[in-house]
Structures are given as structure tokens and as C-alpha cells.
């Protein structure tokens, strides 16, 4: 068990040297981003709470989303200064451009 955890930590800490062509990941895949056990980019829930608190909120308003200005997959940090609150049309416009 300890060896497996060490291997996982090493894989997370050291950026993968494989190119996008040798995997099934899209070209925007972040190889150096820390990931959870499901392969998703690891998030810091306290950063989100801190961001919302700085805006005078305790939760994300309906129809809105806490968004990363520089996406995590493109090397953006999961910190409050890289977050913005997008609602309505602005949220739909950003999602449309990022999902292309």
C-alpha cells in the first residue's frame, strides 16, 4: 500500500513526458496538474469558499458558476485570484468558446 501511494505521488509530482500523440488525451491536457484518484484535476474547496466570501457570498447563486480565468487544464491556479463569478449570458458565452 505504501509503495502504491509513493508511486502515485511520484507520478503526480513529476510531469509526464508523454506527448499528446501517444495518449488518448486532447492536446490541451495538462500533464503537470495534480490529479485525484479519478484522474480529475485536484481542486481546493477552501479556495472556492474564500473567493465566494470575498464577494460577500456563502454559496454560488443560482444560474452562476465559479469559473477559473485561466483554466486549470491550461496551467491556471486553483486560487481565489484566478476565479470569477459568471452568470447568465457571460457563462454561456465562455462555455461555448471553451467547449469547442
Protein backbone atom coordinates (compact mmCIF):
# COMPACT_ATOMS: atom_id res chain seq x y z
CA UNK A 1 0.00 0.00 0.00
CA UNK A 2 2.78 2.45 0.86
CA UNK A 3 4.63 1.66 -2.35
CA UNK A 4 1.50 2.31 -4.40
CA UNK A 5 0.94 5.65 -2.64
CA UNK A 6 4.58 6.61 -3.27
CA UNK A 7 4.29 5.71 -6.94
CA UNK A 8 1.12 7.80 -7.25
CA UNK A 9 2.83 10.75 -5.53
CA UNK A 10 5.81 10.47 -7.84
CA UNK A 11 3.58 10.31 -10.90
CA UNK A 12 1.71 13.39 -9.73
CA UNK A 13 4.79 15.36 -8.74
CA UNK A 14 6.78 14.68 -11.92
CA UNK A 15 5.19 15.95 -15.15
CA UNK A 16 4.56 13.18 -17.61
CA UNK A 17 6.88 13.30 -20.59
CA UNK A 18 4.46 11.61 -22.99
CA UNK A 19 3.25 13.70 -25.87
CA UNK A 20 -0.42 14.14 -26.64
CA UNK A 21 0.02 11.97 -29.74
CA UNK A 22 0.97 8.92 -27.67
CA UNK A 23 -2.15 9.07 -25.46
CA UNK A 24 -5.88 9.44 -25.84
CA UNK A 25 -5.86 12.90 -24.23
CA UNK A 26 -6.67 16.09 -26.14
CA UNK A 27 -3.86 18.50 -26.94
CA UNK A 28 -4.99 20.77 -24.08
CA UNK A 29 -4.46 18.03 -21.44
CA UNK A 30 -2.39 19.28 -18.50
CA UNK A 31 0.24 16.65 -17.72
CA UNK A 32 1.74 18.55 -14.78
CA UNK A 33 -1.56 19.21 -12.96
CA UNK A 34 -2.12 17.32 -9.71
CA UNK A 35 -4.98 14.83 -10.11
CA UNK A 36 -7.38 13.00 -7.81
CA UNK A 37 -7.97 9.24 -7.78
CA UNK A 38 -10.43 9.59 -10.70
CA UNK A 39 -7.96 11.47 -12.91
CA UNK A 40 -9.66 14.84 -12.48
CA UNK A 41 -7.59 17.94 -11.72
CA UNK A 42 -7.43 18.30 -7.95
CA UNK A 43 -9.43 21.24 -6.59
CA UNK A 44 -9.10 23.21 -3.37
CA UNK A 45 -12.56 23.68 -1.83
CA UNK A 46 -11.23 26.26 0.64
CA UNK A 47 -10.11 28.45 -2.29
CA UNK A 48 -13.65 28.46 -3.68
CA UNK A 49 -15.11 29.31 -0.26
CA UNK A 50 -12.56 32.11 0.18
CA UNK A 51 -13.44 33.51 -3.25
CA UNK A 52 -17.18 33.46 -2.51
CA UNK A 53 -16.62 35.04 0.91
CA UNK A 54 -14.60 37.86 -0.72
CA UNK A 55 -17.70 38.60 -2.81
CA UNK A 56 -19.97 38.58 0.29
CA UNK A 57 -21.49 35.21 -0.62
CA UNK A 58 -21.83 31.89 1.20
CA UNK A 59 -22.78 29.86 -1.87
CA UNK A 60 -22.84 30.18 -5.64
CA UNK A 61 -26.03 31.96 -6.78
CA UNK A 62 -28.47 30.02 -8.94
CA UNK A 63 -27.58 30.26 -12.63
CA UNK A 64 -23.98 31.20 -11.85
CA UNK A 65 -20.69 29.36 -11.69
CA UNK A 66 -17.31 29.99 -10.09
CA UNK A 67 -15.02 29.96 -13.12
CA UNK A 68 -11.25 29.91 -13.47
CA UNK A 69 -9.98 32.84 -15.51
CA UNK A 70 -7.01 30.76 -16.69
CA UNK A 71 -8.39 27.20 -16.88
CA UNK A 72 -6.78 24.61 -14.61
CA UNK A 73 -6.13 22.42 -17.64
CA UNK A 74 -4.05 25.22 -19.14
CA UNK A 75 -1.93 25.73 -16.05
CA UNK A 76 -4.16 28.15 -14.13
CA UNK A 77 -4.01 28.01 -10.36
CA UNK A 78 -6.91 26.96 -8.14
CA UNK A 79 -6.68 30.17 -6.12
CA UNK A 80 -9.22 32.94 -5.45
CA UNK A 81 -7.30 35.45 -7.60
CA UNK A 82 -7.80 33.15 -10.62
CA UNK A 83 -11.57 32.86 -10.04
CA UNK A 84 -14.51 34.86 -11.30
CA UNK A 85 -18.27 34.55 -10.89
CA UNK A 86 -20.00 34.12 -14.24
CA UNK A 87 -23.77 34.24 -14.63
CA UNK A 88 -26.31 34.08 -17.44
CA UNK A 89 -25.07 35.13 -20.87
CA UNK A 90 -21.44 35.54 -19.82
CA UNK A 91 -21.40 31.97 -18.50
CA UNK A 92 -22.97 30.58 -21.68
CA UNK A 93 -20.56 32.53 -23.89
CA UNK A 94 -17.48 31.29 -22.03
CA UNK A 95 -18.72 27.68 -22.00
CA UNK A 96 -19.38 27.88 -25.74
CA UNK A 97 -15.86 29.07 -26.51
CA UNK A 98 -14.14 26.60 -24.13
CA UNK A 99 -16.09 23.56 -25.34
CA UNK A 100 -15.00 24.00 -28.97
